[in-house]
Amino acid sequence: MLGLNFEFALLQKLAIFGRYGYGDYSNTNFGDLNLQYWMAGVAFRDLLKPGCLADIAAGQPFIERDIGNATQTNFEAFYNFPINDHIRVTPLIQVITNAANQDTNGTIMTRTL
């Protein structure tokens, strides 16, 4: 298993990040698998109000051509903001296409607070 992660602040209030992983698994129920995943995104500090954090990202959490007929892709956005010194609220939206690596699965949208 190999994992790489980077985070880089372009400006005081703007950063980018990325992740990549690879795993090699032998003798599974699906045979020998060579899995990969990636994610990339942009983060914004103090967006609209000091102390807030916003993020948008996209990634593919399970890339393996021998499982399914497509690759699942996730899109995510959140906005974290303080209510006071002890409480923060984070609305999140996530859109998932080709869930479980199947192109026949519809798009899934989740909203979380």
PDB file of N, CA and C in Angstrom:
ATOM      1  N   MET A   1       0.850  -1.167   0.000  1.00  0.00           N
ATOM      2  CA  MET A   1       0.000   0.000   0.000  1.00  0.00           C
ATOM      3  C   MET A   1       0.897   1.232   0.000  1.00  0.00           C
ATOM      4  N   LEU A   2       0.509   2.209  -0.800  1.00  0.00           N
ATOM      5  CA  LEU A   2       1.249   3.462  -0.908  1.00  0.00           C
ATOM      6  C   LEU A   2       0.252   4.601  -0.861  1.00  0.00           C
ATOM      7  N   GLY A   3       0.553   5.631  -0.110  1.00  0.00           N
ATOM      8  CA  GLY A   3      -0.300   6.806  -0.065  1.00  0.00           C
ATOM      9  C   GLY A   3       0.526   8.071  -0.089  1.00  0.00           C
ATOM     10  N   LEU A   4       0.104   9.029  -0.888  1.00  0.00           N
ATOM     11  CA  LEU A   4       0.766  10.325  -0.974  1.00  0.00           C
ATOM     12  C   LEU A   4      -0.264  11.406  -0.689  1.00  0.00           C
ATOM     13  N   ASN A   5       0.150  12.445  -0.003  1.00  0.00           N
ATOM     14  CA  ASN A   5      -0.743  13.545   0.326  1.00  0.00           C
ATOM     15  C   ASN A   5       0.042  14.846   0.234  1.00  0.00           C
ATOM     16  N   PHE A   6      -0.579  15.887  -0.324  1.00  0.00           N
ATOM     17  CA  PHE A   6       0.065  17.196  -0.284  1.00  0.00           C
ATOM     18  C   PHE A   6      -0.977  18.265  -0.007  1.00  0.00           C
ATOM     19  N   GLU A   7      -0.535  19.292   0.652  1.00  0.00           N
ATOM     20  CA  GLU A   7      -1.333  20.479   0.909  1.00  0.00           C
ATOM     21  C   GLU A   7      -0.415  21.662   0.703  1.00  0.00           C
ATOM     22  N   PHE A   8      -0.897  22.665  -0.032  1.00  0.00           N
ATOM     23  CA  PHE A   8      -0.052  23.804  -0.357  1.00  0.00           C
ATOM     24  C   PHE A   8      -0.866  25.081  -0.281  1.00  0.00           C
ATOM     25  N   ALA A   9      -0.428  26.016   0.532  1.00  0.00           N
ATOM     26  CA  ALA A   9      -1.094  27.312   0.650  1.00  0.00           C
ATOM     27  C   ALA A   9      -0.574  28.235  -0.449  1.00  0.00           C
ATOM     28  N   LEU A  10      -1.433  28.545  -1.402  1.00  0.00           N
ATOM     29  CA  LEU A  10      -1.065  29.463  -2.479  1.00  0.00           C
ATOM     30  C   LEU A  10      -1.009  30.897  -1.969  1.00  0.00           C
ATOM     31  N   LEU A  11      -1.983  31.227  -1.140  1.00  0.00           N
ATOM     32  CA  LEU A  11      -2.093  32.531  -0.492  1.00  0.00           C
ATOM     33  C   LEU A  11      -2.495  32.281   0.949  1.00  0.00           C
ATOM     34  N   GLN A  12      -2.539  33.316   1.754  1.00  0.00           N
ATOM     35  CA  GLN A  12      -2.928  33.140   3.147  1.00  0.00           C
ATOM     36  C   GLN A  12      -4.329  32.540   3.284  1.00  0.00           C
ATOM     37  N   LYS A  13      -5.216  32.824   2.347  1.00  0.00           N
ATOM     38  CA  LYS A  13      -6.590  32.351   2.447  1.00  0.00           C
ATOM     39  C   LYS A  13      -6.981  31.357   1.352  1.00  0.00           C
ATOM     40  N   LEU A  14      -6.017  30.841   0.598  1.00  0.00           N
ATOM     41  CA  LEU A  14      -6.314  29.920  -0.499  1.00  0.00           C
ATOM     42  C   LEU A  14      -5.283  28.799  -0.520  1.00  0.00           C
ATOM     43  N   ALA A  15      -5.774  27.564  -0.513  1.00  0.00           N
ATOM     44  CA  ALA A  15      -4.872  26.411  -0.530  1.00  0.00           C
ATOM     45  C   ALA A  15      -5.417  25.348  -1.474  1.00  0.00           C
ATOM     46  N   ILE A  16      -4.516  24.489  -1.944  1.00  0.00           N
ATOM     47  CA  ILE A  16      -4.900  23.336  -2.744  1.00  0.00           C
ATOM     48  C   ILE A  16      -4.408  22.079  -2.027  1.00  0.00           C
ATOM     49  N   PHE A  17      -5.068  20.966  -2.312  1.00  0.00           N
ATOM     50  CA  PHE A  17      -4.619  19.710  -1.720  1.00  0.00           C
ATOM     51  C   PHE A  17      -4.857  18.575  -2.705  1.00  0.00           C
ATOM     52  N   GLY A  18      -4.144  17.494  -2.498  1.00  0.00           N
ATOM     53  CA  GLY A  18      -4.311  16.324  -3.331  1.00  0.00           C
ATOM     54  C   GLY A  18      -3.882  15.071  -2.586  1.00  0.00           C
ATOM     55  N   ARG A  19      -4.461  13.956  -2.991  1.00  0.00           N
ATOM     56  CA  ARG A  19      -4.145  12.667  -2.391  1.00  0.00           C
ATOM     57  C   ARG A  19      -4.123  11.614  -3.491  1.00  0.00           C
ATOM     58  N   TYR A  20      -3.236  10.651  -3.336  1.00  0.00           N
ATOM     59  CA  TYR A  20      -3.181   9.519  -4.260  1.00  0.00           C
ATOM     60  C   TYR A  20      -2.816   8.280  -3.455  1.00  0.00           C
ATOM     61  N   GLY A  21      -3.435   7.178  -3.780  1.00  0.00           N
ATOM     62  CA  GLY A  21      -3.115   5.933  -3.103  1.00  0.00           C
ATOM     63  C   GLY A  21      -3.143   4.771  -4.066  1.00  0.00           C
ATOM     64  N   TYR A  22      -2.371   3.750  -3.712  1.00  0.00           N
ATOM     65  CA  TYR A  22      -2.290   2.531  -4.516  1.00  0.00           C
ATOM     66  C   TYR A  22      -2.195   1.347  -3.563  1.00  0.00           C
ATOM     67  N   GLY A  23      -2.911   0.291  -3.879  1.00  0.00           N
ATOM     68  CA  GLY A  23      -2.836  -0.933  -3.084  1.00  0.00           C
ATOM     69  C   GLY A  23      -2.833  -2.140  -3.991  1.00  0.00           C
ATOM     70  N   ASP A  24      -2.085  -3.148  -3.609  1.00  0.00           N
ATOM     71  CA  ASP A  24      -1.963  -4.385  -4.373  1.00  0.00           C
ATOM     72  C   ASP A  24      -2.438  -5.523  -3.480  1.00  0.00           C
ATOM     73  N   TYR A  25      -3.533  -6.173  -3.856  1.00  0.00           N
ATOM     74  CA  TYR A  25      -4.127  -7.220  -3.032  1.00  0.00           C
ATOM     75  C   TYR A  25      -4.228  -8.505  -3.843  1.00  0.00           C
ATOM     76  N   SER A  26      -3.680  -9.575  -3.300  1.00  0.00           N
ATOM     77  CA  SER A  26      -3.688 -10.870  -3.984  1.00  0.00           C
ATOM     78  C   SER A  26      -4.764 -11.777  -3.404  1.00  0.00           C
ATOM     79  N   ASN A  27      -5.258 -12.682  -4.244  1.00  0.00           N
ATOM     80  CA  ASN A  27      -6.176 -13.749  -3.830  1.00  0.00           C
ATOM     81  C   ASN A  27      -7.447 -13.252  -3.153  1.00  0.00           C
ATOM     82  N   THR A  28      -8.076 -12.210  -3.694  1.00  0.00           N
ATOM     83  CA  THR A  28      -9.367 -11.762  -3.168  1.00  0.00           C
ATOM     84  C   THR A  28     -10.471 -12.546  -3.871  1.00  0.00           C
ATOM     85  N   ASN A  29     -11.717 -12.332  -3.473  1.00  0.00           N
ATOM     86  CA  ASN A  29     -12.848 -12.972  -4.156  1.00  0.00           C
ATOM     87  C   ASN A  29     -12.960 -12.525  -5.612  1.00  0.00           C
ATOM     88  N   PHE A  30     -12.307 -11.399  -5.963  1.00  0.00           N
ATOM     89  CA  PHE A  30     -12.329 -10.882  -7.322  1.00  0.00           C
ATOM     90  C   PHE A  30     -11.012 -11.140  -8.040  1.00  0.00           C
ATOM     91  N   GLY A  31     -10.139 -11.946  -7.457  1.00  0.00           N
ATOM     92  CA  GLY A  31      -8.823 -12.199  -8.034  1.00  0.00           C
ATOM     93  C   GLY A  31      -7.801 -11.231  -7.468  1.00  0.00           C
ATOM     94  N   ASP A  32      -6.705 -11.062  -8.179  1.00  0.00           N
ATOM     95  CA  ASP A  32      -5.670 -10.116  -7.761  1.00  0.00           C
ATOM     96  C   ASP A  32      -6.097  -8.709  -8.171  1.00  0.00           C
ATOM     97  N   LEU A  33      -6.061  -7.783  -7.235  1.00  0.00           N
ATOM     98  CA  LEU A  33      -6.527  -6.415  -7.498  1.00  0.00           C
ATOM     99  C   LEU A  33      -5.394  -5.421  -7.318  1.00  0.00           C
ATOM    100  N   ASN A  34      -5.392  -4.407  -8.175  1.00  0.00           N
ATOM    101  CA  ASN A  34      -4.471  -3.279  -8.074  1.00  0.00           C
ATOM    102  C   ASN A  34      -5.317  -2.016  -7.971  1.00  0.00           C
ATOM    103  N   LEU A  35      -5.616  -1.601  -6.760  1.00  0.00           N
ATOM    104  CA  LEU A  35      -6.522  -0.484  -6.511  1.00  0.00           C
ATOM    105  C   LEU A  35      -5.783   0.839  -6.490  1.00  0.00           C
ATOM    106  N   GLN A  36      -6.462   1.874  -6.956  1.00  0.00           N
ATOM    107  CA  GLN A  36      -5.945   3.233  -6.877  1.00  0.00           C
ATOM    108  C   GLN A  36      -7.065   4.154  -6.407  1.00  0.00           C
ATOM    109  N   TYR A  37      -6.694   5.278  -5.831  1.00  0.00           N
ATOM    110  CA  TYR A  37      -7.666   6.322  -5.525  1.00  0.00           C
ATOM    111  C   TYR A  37      -6.955   7.667  -5.621  1.00  0.00           C
ATOM    112  N   TRP A  38      -7.745   8.715  -5.806  1.00  0.00           N
ATOM    113  CA  TRP A  38      -7.197  10.072  -5.819  1.00  0.00           C
ATOM    114  C   TRP A  38      -8.268  11.044  -5.370  1.00  0.00           C
ATOM    115  N   MET A  39      -7.832  12.196  -4.931  1.00  0.00           N
ATOM    116  CA  MET A  39      -8.727  13.306  -4.602  1.00  0.00           C
ATOM    117  C   MET A  39      -7.933  14.596  -4.733  1.00  0.00           C
ATOM    118  N   ALA A  40      -8.593  15.651  -5.178  1.00  0.00           N
ATOM    119  CA  ALA A  40      -7.964  16.966  -5.293  1.00  0.00           C
ATOM    120  C   ALA A  40      -9.003  18.026  -4.946  1.00  0.00           C
ATOM    121  N   GLY A  41      -8.535  19.122  -4.394  1.00  0.00           N
ATOM    122  CA  GLY A  41      -9.477  20.161  -4.030  1.00  0.00           C
ATOM    123  C   GLY A  41      -8.833  21.494  -3.735  1.00  0.00           C
ATOM    124  N   VAL A  42      -9.713  22.438  -3.443  1.00  0.00           N
ATOM    125  CA  VAL A  42      -9.320  23.808  -3.126  1.00  0.00           C
ATOM    126  C   VAL A  42     -10.022  24.202  -1.835  1.00  0.00           C
ATOM    127  N   ALA A  43      -9.272  24.861  -0.939  1.00  0.00           N
ATOM    128  CA  ALA A  43      -9.842  25.322   0.327  1.00  0.00           C
ATOM    129  C   ALA A  43      -9.705  26.835   0.431  1.00  0.00           C
ATOM    130  N   PHE A  44     -10.713  27.454   1.033  1.00  0.00           N
ATOM    131  CA  PHE A  44     -10.758  28.911   1.182  1.00  0.00           C
ATOM    132  C   PHE A  44     -10.945  29.244   2.662  1.00  0.00           C
ATOM    133  N   ARG A  45      -9.966  29.876   3.280  1.00  0.00           N
ATOM    134  CA  ARG A  45     -10.072  30.311   4.677  1.00  0.00           C
ATOM    135  C   ARG A  45     -10.744  31.671   4.752  1.00  0.00           C
ATOM    136  N   ASP A  46     -11.485  31.868   5.821  1.00  0.00           N
ATOM    137  CA  ASP A  46     -12.129  33.153   6.117  1.00  0.00           C
ATOM    138  C   ASP A  46     -13.046  33.630   4.990  1.00  0.00           C
ATOM    139  N   LEU A  47     -13.674  32.713   4.287  1.00  0.00           N
ATOM    140  CA  LEU A  47     -14.582  33.074   3.196  1.00  0.00           C
ATOM    141  C   LEU A  47     -15.879  33.632   3.776  1.00  0.00           C
ATOM    142  N   LEU A  48     -16.191  34.843   3.457  1.00  0.00           N
ATOM    143  CA  LEU A  48     -17.377  35.587   3.895  1.00  0.00           C
ATOM    144  C   LEU A  48     -17.329  36.040   5.352  1.00  0.00           C
ATOM    145  N   LYS A  49     -16.534  35.356   6.193  1.00  0.00           N
ATOM    146  CA  LYS A  49     -16.488  35.718   7.611  1.00  0.00           C
ATOM    147  C   LYS A  49     -15.203  35.133   8.216  1.00  0.00           C
ATOM    148  N   PRO A  50     -14.522  35.869   9.088  1.00  0.00           N
ATOM    149  CA  PRO A  50     -13.327  35.323   9.731  1.00  0.00           C
ATOM    150  C   PRO A  50     -13.638  34.028  10.488  1.00  0.00           C
ATOM    151  N   GLY A  51     -12.752  33.065  10.386  1.00  0.00           N
ATOM    152  CA  GLY A  51     -12.917  31.780  11.070  1.00  0.00           C
ATOM    153  C   GLY A  51     -13.631  30.724  10.258  1.00  0.00           C
ATOM    154  N   CYS A  52     -14.159  31.084   9.094  1.00  0.00           N
ATOM    155  CA  CYS A  52     -14.867  30.126   8.246  1.00  0.00           C
ATOM    156  C   CYS A  52     -13.876  29.372   7.360  1.00  0.00           C
ATOM    157  N   LEU A  53     -14.298  28.203   6.904  1.00  0.00           N
ATOM    158  CA  LEU A  53     -13.503  27.411   5.979  1.00  0.00           C
ATOM    159  C   LEU A  53     -14.443  26.789   4.957  1.00  0.00           C
ATOM    160  N   ALA A  54     -14.153  26.997   3.672  1.00  0.00           N
ATOM    161  CA  ALA A  54     -14.928  26.394   2.594  1.00  0.00           C
ATOM    162  C   ALA A  54     -14.001  25.496   1.786  1.00  0.00           C
ATOM    163  N   ASP A  55     -14.575  24.448   1.186  1.00  0.00           N
ATOM    164  CA  ASP A  55     -13.772  23.480   0.447  1.00  0.00           C
ATOM    165  C   ASP A  55     -14.610  22.909  -0.690  1.00  0.00           C
ATOM    166  N   ILE A  56     -13.974  22.726  -1.832  1.00  0.00           N
ATOM    167  CA  ILE A  56     -14.579  21.965  -2.923  1.00  0.00           C
ATOM    168  C   ILE A  56     -13.539  20.946  -3.382  1.00  0.00           C
ATOM    169  N   ALA A  57     -14.012  19.730  -3.671  1.00  0.00           N
ATOM    170  CA  ALA A  57     -13.081  18.664  -4.023  1.00  0.00           C
ATOM    171  C   ALA A  57     -13.749  17.656  -4.947  1.00  0.00           C
ATOM    172  N   ALA A  58     -12.919  16.895  -5.653  1.00  0.00           N
ATOM    173  CA  ALA A  58     -13.378  15.797  -6.499  1.00  0.00           C
ATOM    174  C   ALA A  58     -12.385  14.654  -6.346  1.00  0.00           C
ATOM    175  N   GLY A  59     -12.890  13.444  -6.509  1.00  0.00           N
ATOM    176  CA  GLY A  59     -11.995  12.300  -6.406  1.00  0.00           C
ATOM    177  C   GLY A  59     -12.652  11.015  -6.856  1.00  0.00           C
ATOM    178  N   GLN A  60     -11.828   9.995  -6.994  1.00  0.00           N
ATOM    179  CA  GLN A  60     -12.300   8.656  -7.332  1.00  0.00           C
ATOM    180  C   GLN A  60     -11.754   7.709  -6.268  1.00  0.00           C
ATOM    181  N   PRO A  61     -12.654   7.191  -5.400  1.00  0.00           N
ATOM    182  CA  PRO A  61     -12.194   6.442  -4.238  1.00  0.00           C
ATOM    183  C   PRO A  61     -11.831   4.984  -4.483  1.00  0.00           C
ATOM    184  N   PHE A  62     -12.142   4.434  -5.643  1.00  0.00           N
ATOM    185  CA  PHE A  62     -11.908   3.008  -5.871  1.00  0.00           C
ATOM    186  C   PHE A  62     -11.749   2.767  -7.366  1.00  0.00           C
ATOM    187  N   ILE A  63     -10.528   2.875  -7.850  1.00  0.00           N
ATOM    188  CA  ILE A  63     -10.265   2.680  -9.272  1.00  0.00           C
ATOM    189  C   ILE A  63      -9.690   1.285  -9.463  1.00  0.00           C
ATOM    190  N   GLU A  64     -10.454   0.432 -10.139  1.00  0.00           N
ATOM    191  CA  GLU A  64     -10.020  -0.935 -10.441  1.00  0.00           C
ATOM    192  C   GLU A  64     -10.799  -1.394 -11.664  1.00  0.00           C
ATOM    193  N   ARG A  65     -10.128  -1.549 -12.780  1.00  0.00           N
ATOM    194  CA  ARG A  65     -10.824  -1.845 -14.035  1.00  0.00           C
ATOM    195  C   ARG A  65     -11.498  -3.204 -14.058  1.00  0.00           C
ATOM    196  N   ASP A  66     -11.103  -4.125 -13.177  1.00  0.00           N
ATOM    197  CA  ASP A  66     -11.702  -5.457 -13.157  1.00  0.00           C
ATOM    198  C   ASP A  66     -12.964  -5.542 -12.304  1.00  0.00           C
ATOM    199  N   ILE A  67     -13.355  -4.450 -11.665  1.00  0.00           N
ATOM    200  CA  ILE A  67     -14.581  -4.428 -10.865  1.00  0.00           C
ATOM    201  C   ILE A  67     -15.485  -3.335 -11.408  1.00  0.00           C
ATOM    202  N   GLY A  68     -16.644  -3.725 -11.900  1.00  0.00           N
ATOM    203  CA  GLY A  68     -17.606  -2.779 -12.448  1.00  0.00           C
ATOM    204  C   GLY A  68     -17.277  -2.403 -13.886  1.00  0.00           C
ATOM    205  N   ASN A  69     -18.125  -1.536 -14.446  1.00  0.00           N
ATOM    206  CA  ASN A  69     -17.942  -1.096 -15.833  1.00  0.00           C
ATOM    207  C   ASN A  69     -17.729   0.410 -15.932  1.00  0.00           C
ATOM    208  N   ALA A  70     -17.490   1.056 -14.794  1.00  0.00           N
ATOM    209  CA  ALA A  70     -17.244   2.498 -14.755  1.00  0.00           C
ATOM    210  C   ALA A  70     -16.447   2.774 -13.483  1.00  0.00           C
ATOM    211  N   THR A  71     -16.065   4.015 -13.280  1.00  0.00           N
ATOM    212  CA  THR A  71     -15.347   4.381 -12.060  1.00  0.00           C
ATOM    213  C   THR A  71     -16.161   5.409 -11.287  1.00  0.00           C
ATOM    214  N   GLN A  72     -16.423   5.101 -10.033  1.00  0.00           N
ATOM    215  CA  GLN A  72     -17.159   6.028  -9.180  1.00  0.00           C
ATOM    216  C   GLN A  72     -16.374   7.331  -9.039  1.00  0.00           C
ATOM    217  N   THR A  73     -17.092   8.451  -9.131  1.00  0.00           N
ATOM    218  CA  THR A  73     -16.477   9.759  -8.928  1.00  0.00           C
ATOM    219  C   THR A  73     -17.293  10.520  -7.890  1.00  0.00           C
ATOM    220  N   ASN A  74     -16.602  11.114  -6.925  1.00  0.00           N
ATOM    221  CA  ASN A  74     -17.250  11.876  -5.864  1.00  0.00           C
ATOM    222  C   ASN A  74     -16.904  13.349  -6.002  1.00  0.00           C
ATOM    223  N   PHE A  75     -17.914  14.207  -5.829  1.00  0.00           N
ATOM    224  CA  PHE A  75     -17.745  15.655  -5.795  1.00  0.00           C
ATOM    225  C   PHE A  75     -18.281  16.121  -4.446  1.00  0.00           C
ATOM    226  N   GLU A  76     -17.561  17.015  -3.782  1.00  0.00           N
ATOM    227  CA  GLU A  76     -17.948  17.424  -2.444  1.00  0.00           C
ATOM    228  C   GLU A  76     -17.680  18.915  -2.241  1.00  0.00           C
ATOM    229  N   ALA A  77     -18.561  19.552  -1.493  1.00  0.00           N
ATOM    230  CA  ALA A  77     -18.360  20.951  -1.107  1.00  0.00           C
ATOM    231  C   ALA A  77     -18.909  21.133   0.307  1.00  0.00           C
ATOM    232  N   PHE A  78     -18.177  21.887   1.132  1.00  0.00           N
ATOM    233  CA  PHE A  78     -18.676  22.198   2.462  1.00  0.00           C
ATOM    234  C   PHE A  78     -18.310  23.620   2.831  1.00  0.00           C
ATOM    235  N   TYR A  79     -19.025  24.128   3.832  1.00  0.00           N
ATOM    236  CA  TYR A  79     -18.754  25.457   4.380  1.00  0.00           C
ATOM    237  C   TYR A  79     -18.846  25.344   5.895  1.00  0.00           C
ATOM    238  N   ASN A  80     -17.729  25.503   6.579  1.00  0.00           N
ATOM    239  CA  ASN A  80     -17.661  25.388   8.030  1.00  0.00           C
ATOM    240  C   ASN A  80     -17.594  26.790   8.623  1.00  0.00           C
ATOM    241  N   PHE A  81     -18.571  27.102   9.493  1.00  0.00           N
ATOM    242  CA  PHE A  81     -18.556  28.447  10.073  1.00  0.00           C
ATOM    243  C   PHE A  81     -18.859  28.398  11.567  1.00  0.00           C
ATOM    244  N   PRO A  82     -18.231  29.315  12.318  1.00  0.00           N
ATOM    245  CA  PRO A  82     -18.442  29.326  13.764  1.00  0.00           C
ATOM    246  C   PRO A  82     -19.737  30.044  14.138  1.00  0.00           C
ATOM    247  N   ILE A  83     -20.433  29.455  15.100  1.00  0.00           N
ATOM    248  CA  ILE A  83     -21.593  30.112  15.700  1.00  0.00           C
ATOM    249  C   ILE A  83     -21.118  30.923  16.901  1.00  0.00           C
ATOM    250  N   ASN A  84     -20.217  30.317  17.690  1.00  0.00           N
ATOM    251  CA  ASN A  84     -19.560  30.996  18.805  1.00  0.00           C
ATOM    252  C   ASN A  84     -18.218  30.294  19.031  1.00  0.00           C
ATOM    253  N   ASP A  85     -17.566  30.539  20.146  1.00  0.00           N
ATOM    254  CA  ASP A  85     -16.252  29.942  20.405  1.00  0.00           C
ATOM    255  C   ASP A  85     -16.299  28.427  20.596  1.00  0.00           C
ATOM    256  N   HIS A  86     -17.475  27.860  20.828  1.00  0.00           N
ATOM    257  CA  HIS A  86     -17.589  26.440  21.137  1.00  0.00           C
ATOM    258  C   HIS A  86     -18.419  25.641  20.133  1.00  0.00           C
ATOM    259  N   ILE A  87     -19.087  26.296  19.225  1.00  0.00           N
ATOM    260  CA  ILE A  87     -19.975  25.605  18.278  1.00  0.00           C
ATOM    261  C   ILE A  87     -19.657  26.047  16.859  1.00  0.00           C
ATOM    262  N   ARG A  88     -19.499  25.065  15.980  1.00  0.00           N
ATOM    263  CA  ARG A  88     -19.294  25.306  14.549  1.00  0.00           C
ATOM    264  C   ARG A  88     -20.341  24.501  13.789  1.00  0.00           C
ATOM    265  N   VAL A  89     -20.781  24.991  12.642  1.00  0.00           N
ATOM    266  CA  VAL A  89     -21.759  24.312  11.804  1.00  0.00           C
ATOM    267  C   VAL A  89     -21.127  24.080  10.437  1.00  0.00           C
ATOM    268  N   THR A  90     -21.376  22.890   9.871  1.00  0.00           N
ATOM    269  CA  THR A  90     -20.778  22.549   8.575  1.00  0.00           C
ATOM    270  C   THR A  90     -21.813  21.926   7.647  1.00  0.00           C
ATOM    271  N   PRO A  91     -22.475  22.712   6.801  1.00  0.00           N
ATOM    272  CA  PRO A  91     -23.305  22.120   5.761  1.00  0.00           C
ATOM    273  C   PRO A  91     -22.392  21.519   4.681  1.00  0.00           C
ATOM    274  N   LEU A  92     -22.788  20.350   4.184  1.00  0.00           N
ATOM    275  CA  LEU A  92     -21.989  19.618   3.212  1.00  0.00           C
ATOM    276  C   LEU A  92     -22.903  19.067   2.135  1.00  0.00           C
ATOM    277  N   ILE A  93     -22.445  19.119   0.894  1.00  0.00           N
ATOM    278  CA  ILE A  93     -23.155  18.463  -0.201  1.00  0.00           C
ATOM    279  C   ILE A  93     -22.165  17.558  -0.917  1.00  0.00           C
ATOM    280  N   GLN A  94     -22.629  16.371  -1.266  1.00  0.00           N
ATOM    281  CA  GLN A  94     -21.789  15.412  -1.969  1.00  0.00           C
ATOM    282  C   GLN A  94     -22.600  14.820  -3.116  1.00  0.00           C
ATOM    283  N   VAL A  95     -21.976  14.743  -4.282  1.00  0.00           N
ATOM    284  CA  VAL A  95     -22.585  14.136  -5.455  1.00  0.00           C
ATOM    285  C   VAL A  95     -21.697  12.974  -5.877  1.00  0.00           C
ATOM    286  N   ILE A  96     -22.311  11.801  -6.061  1.00  0.00           N
ATOM    287  CA  ILE A  96     -21.579  10.590  -6.421  1.00  0.00           C
ATOM    288  C   ILE A  96     -22.127  10.072  -7.744  1.00  0.00           C
ATOM    289  N   THR A  97     -21.248   9.909  -8.718  1.00  0.00           N
ATOM    290  CA  THR A  97     -21.647   9.334 -10.011  1.00  0.00           C
ATOM    291  C   THR A  97     -21.049   7.942 -10.147  1.00  0.00           C
ATOM    292  N   ASN A  98     -21.719   7.088 -10.887  1.00  0.00           N
ATOM    293  CA  ASN A  98     -21.279   5.703 -11.116  1.00  0.00           C
ATOM    294  C   ASN A  98     -20.988   4.985  -9.799  1.00  0.00           C
ATOM    295  N   ALA A  99     -21.917   5.105  -8.862  1.00  0.00           N
ATOM    296  CA  ALA A  99     -21.730   4.487  -7.548  1.00  0.00           C
ATOM    297  C   ALA A  99     -21.406   3.009  -7.683  1.00  0.00           C
ATOM    298  N   ALA A 100     -20.510   2.528  -6.831  1.00  0.00           N
ATOM    299  CA  ALA A 100     -20.058   1.131  -6.819  1.00  0.00           C
ATOM    300  C   ALA A 100     -19.448   0.721  -8.164  1.00  0.00           C
ATOM    301  N   ASN A 101     -18.916   1.700  -8.890  1.00  0.00           N
ATOM    302  CA  ASN A 101     -18.263   1.459 -10.188  1.00  0.00           C
ATOM    303  C   ASN A 101     -19.202   0.854 -11.238  1.00  0.00           C
ATOM    304  N   GLN A 102     -20.481   1.233 -11.187  1.00  0.00           N
ATOM    305  CA  GLN A 102     -21.474   0.748 -12.150  1.00  0.00           C
ATOM    306  C   GLN A 102     -22.137   1.936 -12.846  1.00  0.00           C
ATOM    307  N   ASP A 103     -22.089   1.956 -14.179  1.00  0.00           N
ATOM    308  CA  ASP A 103     -22.691   3.082 -14.898  1.00  0.00           C
ATOM    309  C   ASP A 103     -24.216   3.051 -14.881  1.00  0.00           C
ATOM    310  N   THR A 104     -24.825   1.932 -14.474  1.00  0.00           N
ATOM    311  CA  THR A 104     -26.288   1.855 -14.391  1.00  0.00           C
ATOM    312  C   THR A 104     -26.831   2.430 -13.087  1.00  0.00           C
ATOM    313  N   ASN A 105     -25.972   2.666 -12.120  1.00  0.00           N
ATOM    314  CA  ASN A 105     -26.421   3.273 -10.865  1.00  0.00           C
ATOM    315  C   ASN A 105     -26.602   4.772 -11.065  1.00  0.00           C
ATOM    316  N   GLY A 106     -27.693   5.283 -10.617  1.00  0.00           N
ATOM    317  CA  GLY A 106     -27.972   6.705 -10.774  1.00  0.00           C
ATOM    318  C   GLY A 106     -27.058   7.559  -9.925  1.00  0.00           C
ATOM    319  N   THR A 107     -27.106   8.842 -10.186  1.00  0.00           N
ATOM    320  CA  THR A 107     -26.317   9.796  -9.410  1.00  0.00           C
ATOM    321  C   THR A 107     -26.922   9.934  -8.016  1.00  0.00           C
ATOM    322  N   ILE A 108     -26.086   9.926  -7.009  1.00  0.00           N
ATOM    323  CA  ILE A 108     -26.515  10.059  -5.616  1.00  0.00           C
ATOM    324  C   ILE A 108     -26.116  11.453  -5.134  1.00  0.00           C
ATOM    325  N   MET A 109     -27.041  12.129  -4.466  1.00  0.00           N
ATOM    326  CA  MET A 109     -26.733  13.427  -3.868  1.00  0.00           C
ATOM    327  C   MET A 109     -27.059  13.350  -2.386  1.00  0.00           C
ATOM    328  N   THR A 110     -26.081  13.700  -1.553  1.00  0.00           N
ATOM    329  CA  THR A 110     -26.334  13.736  -0.110  1.00  0.00           C
ATOM    330  C   THR A 110     -26.118  15.153   0.383  1.00  0.00           C
ATOM    331  N   ARG A 111     -26.896  15.511   1.373  1.00  0.00           N
ATOM    332  CA  ARG A 111     -26.749  16.794   2.044  1.00  0.00           C
ATOM    333  C   ARG A 111     -26.668  16.500   3.534  1.00  0.00           C
ATOM    334  N   THR A 112     -25.697  17.081   4.182  1.00  0.00           N
ATOM    335  CA  THR A 112     -25.470  16.817   5.604  1.00  0.00           C
ATOM    336  C   THR A 112     -25.290  18.147   6.325  1.00  0.00           C
ATOM    337  N   LEU A 113     -25.746  18.199   7.544  1.00  0.00           N
ATOM    338  CA  LEU A 113     -25.524  19.369   8.378  1.00  0.00           C
ATOM    339  C   LEU A 113     -24.963  18.902   9.701  1.00  0.00           C
TER     340      LEU A 113
END
